């Protein structure tokens, strides 16, 4: 697994989540739900990648 790409994705996912939370009032109503769902999916995948990389570190 390419760890550099994984780390970049994890940082980008958490940054997107933080931006969505901090700027939720400035996001237009039409985009708010879809951006929030995309951020949740990316953060869930980032958590999975963190757990997977920790689990595969021992083998």
N, C-alpha and C. Protein backbone atom coordinates (compact mmCIF):
# COMPACT_ATOMS: atom_id res chain seq x y z
N UNK A 1 0.84 -1.17 0.00
CA UNK A 1 0.00 0.00 0.00
C UNK A 1 0.90 1.24 0.00
N UNK A 2 0.52 2.23 -0.78
CA UNK A 2 1.27 3.48 -0.86
C UNK A 2 0.89 4.36 0.33
N UNK A 3 1.80 4.48 1.27
CA UNK A 3 1.48 5.21 2.49
C UNK A 3 1.39 6.71 2.27
N UNK A 4 2.13 7.24 1.31
CA UNK A 4 2.08 8.68 1.05
C UNK A 4 0.69 9.09 0.57
N UNK A 5 0.15 8.35 -0.36
CA UNK A 5 -1.19 8.66 -0.87
C UNK A 5 -2.24 8.48 0.21
N UNK A 6 -2.08 7.49 1.06
CA UNK A 6 -3.02 7.27 2.15
C UNK A 6 -2.99 8.42 3.15
N UNK A 7 -1.80 8.87 3.50
CA UNK A 7 -1.68 9.98 4.45
C UNK A 7 -2.26 11.26 3.87
N UNK A 8 -2.02 11.52 2.59
CA UNK A 8 -2.59 12.70 1.94
C UNK A 8 -4.11 12.63 1.93
N UNK A 9 -4.68 11.46 1.65
CA UNK A 9 -6.13 11.31 1.66
C UNK A 9 -6.70 11.53 3.05
N UNK A 10 -6.05 10.99 4.07
CA UNK A 10 -6.54 11.14 5.43
C UNK A 10 -6.53 12.61 5.84
N UNK A 11 -5.45 13.32 5.53
CA UNK A 11 -5.38 14.75 5.85
C UNK A 11 -6.44 15.53 5.09
N UNK A 12 -6.64 15.21 3.82
CA UNK A 12 -7.65 15.92 3.02
C UNK A 12 -9.06 15.64 3.53
N UNK A 13 -9.34 14.41 3.93
CA UNK A 13 -10.68 14.08 4.43
C UNK A 13 -10.99 14.82 5.72
N UNK A 14 -10.05 14.82 6.65
CA UNK A 14 -10.30 15.51 7.91
C UNK A 14 -10.33 17.03 7.73
N UNK A 15 -9.55 17.54 6.80
CA UNK A 15 -9.59 18.98 6.51
C UNK A 15 -10.93 19.36 5.90
N UNK A 16 -11.44 18.55 4.98
CA UNK A 16 -12.76 18.82 4.40
C UNK A 16 -13.83 18.80 5.47
N UNK A 17 -13.76 17.84 6.38
CA UNK A 17 -14.73 17.79 7.47
C UNK A 17 -14.67 19.02 8.34
N UNK A 18 -13.47 19.49 8.64
CA UNK A 18 -13.32 20.69 9.48
C UNK A 18 -13.85 21.93 8.76
N UNK A 19 -13.57 22.03 7.47
CA UNK A 19 -14.06 23.18 6.70
C UNK A 19 -15.58 23.18 6.62
N UNK A 20 -16.17 22.02 6.43
CA UNK A 20 -17.63 21.92 6.35
C UNK A 20 -18.25 22.33 7.69
N UNK A 21 -17.64 21.90 8.79
CA UNK A 21 -18.19 22.26 10.10
C UNK A 21 -18.02 23.75 10.37
N UNK A 22 -16.85 24.31 10.06
CA UNK A 22 -16.60 25.72 10.38
C UNK A 22 -17.36 26.68 9.46
N UNK A 23 -17.59 26.28 8.21
CA UNK A 23 -18.22 27.18 7.24
C UNK A 23 -19.62 26.73 6.86
N UNK A 24 -20.32 26.03 7.74
CA UNK A 24 -21.63 25.48 7.38
C UNK A 24 -22.67 26.55 7.08
N UNK A 25 -22.52 27.74 7.62
CA UNK A 25 -23.50 28.79 7.35
C UNK A 25 -23.28 29.46 5.99
N UNK A 26 -22.06 29.40 5.47
CA UNK A 26 -21.79 30.01 4.18
C UNK A 26 -22.00 29.08 2.98
N UNK A 27 -22.17 27.79 3.24
CA UNK A 27 -22.41 26.84 2.15
C UNK A 27 -23.86 26.99 1.70
N UNK A 28 -24.11 27.13 0.39
CA UNK A 28 -25.48 27.28 -0.09
C UNK A 28 -26.34 26.06 0.29
N UNK A 29 -27.64 26.31 0.47
CA UNK A 29 -28.55 25.25 0.90
C UNK A 29 -28.57 24.07 -0.06
N UNK A 30 -28.44 24.33 -1.35
CA UNK A 30 -28.51 23.24 -2.34
C UNK A 30 -27.31 22.32 -2.24
N UNK A 31 -26.16 22.82 -1.77
CA UNK A 31 -24.95 22.02 -1.70
C UNK A 31 -24.67 21.45 -0.31
N UNK A 32 -25.31 21.99 0.71
CA UNK A 32 -24.96 21.66 2.09
C UNK A 32 -25.07 20.17 2.38
N UNK A 33 -26.18 19.56 2.00
CA UNK A 33 -26.37 18.14 2.31
C UNK A 33 -25.41 17.25 1.54
N UNK A 34 -25.20 17.52 0.26
CA UNK A 34 -24.31 16.67 -0.54
C UNK A 34 -22.86 16.81 -0.11
N UNK A 35 -22.43 18.01 0.26
CA UNK A 35 -21.06 18.20 0.74
C UNK A 35 -20.88 17.51 2.08
N UNK A 36 -21.88 17.58 2.94
CA UNK A 36 -21.80 16.92 4.25
C UNK A 36 -21.74 15.41 4.10
N UNK A 37 -22.54 14.85 3.20
CA UNK A 37 -22.52 13.40 2.98
C UNK A 37 -21.18 12.97 2.39
N UNK A 38 -20.64 13.73 1.46
CA UNK A 38 -19.33 13.41 0.88
C UNK A 38 -18.25 13.47 1.95
N UNK A 39 -18.31 14.44 2.83
CA UNK A 39 -17.32 14.55 3.90
C UNK A 39 -17.43 13.38 4.86
N UNK A 40 -18.65 12.97 5.19
CA UNK A 40 -18.84 11.83 6.10
C UNK A 40 -18.29 10.55 5.49
N UNK A 41 -18.55 10.34 4.20
CA UNK A 41 -18.05 9.13 3.53
C UNK A 41 -16.52 9.14 3.49
N UNK A 42 -15.93 10.29 3.19
CA UNK A 42 -14.47 10.37 3.13
C UNK A 42 -13.85 10.17 4.50
N UNK A 43 -14.45 10.71 5.55
CA UNK A 43 -13.91 10.54 6.90
C UNK A 43 -14.04 9.08 7.34
N UNK A 44 -15.15 8.44 7.00
CA UNK A 44 -15.32 7.02 7.34
C UNK A 44 -14.27 6.17 6.63
N UNK A 45 -14.01 6.46 5.37
CA UNK A 45 -12.97 5.73 4.63
C UNK A 45 -11.59 6.01 5.23
N UNK A 46 -11.35 7.23 5.66
CA UNK A 46 -10.06 7.56 6.28
C UNK A 46 -9.88 6.78 7.58
N UNK A 47 -10.93 6.68 8.40
CA UNK A 47 -10.84 5.87 9.62
C UNK A 47 -10.56 4.41 9.28
N UNK A 48 -11.23 3.89 8.25
CA UNK A 48 -10.98 2.51 7.84
C UNK A 48 -9.52 2.33 7.41
N UNK A 49 -8.99 3.27 6.65
CA UNK A 49 -7.60 3.17 6.21
C UNK A 49 -6.63 3.25 7.38
N UNK A 50 -6.94 4.05 8.38
CA UNK A 50 -6.08 4.12 9.57
C UNK A 50 -6.08 2.79 10.30
N UNK A 51 -7.27 2.22 10.50
CA UNK A 51 -7.36 0.93 11.21
C UNK A 51 -6.70 -0.17 10.39
N UNK A 52 -6.89 -0.17 9.08
CA UNK A 52 -6.29 -1.18 8.22
C UNK A 52 -4.77 -1.08 8.25
N UNK A 53 -4.23 0.13 8.20
CA UNK A 53 -2.79 0.27 8.19
C UNK A 53 -2.20 -0.13 9.54
N UNK A 54 -2.91 0.15 10.65
CA UNK A 54 -2.43 -0.29 11.95
C UNK A 54 -2.51 -1.80 12.09
N UNK A 55 -3.54 -2.42 11.54
CA UNK A 55 -3.70 -3.87 11.63
C UNK A 55 -2.67 -4.60 10.77
N UNK A 56 -2.33 -4.03 9.62
CA UNK A 56 -1.39 -4.69 8.73
C UNK A 56 0.06 -4.35 9.08
N UNK A 57 0.27 -3.46 10.03
CA UNK A 57 1.63 -3.09 10.41
C UNK A 57 2.37 -4.25 11.07
N UNK A 58 1.64 -5.08 11.79
CA UNK A 58 2.29 -6.18 12.50
C UNK A 58 2.67 -7.35 11.62
N UNK A 59 2.06 -7.46 10.45
CA UNK A 59 2.36 -8.64 9.62
C UNK A 59 3.29 -8.32 8.48
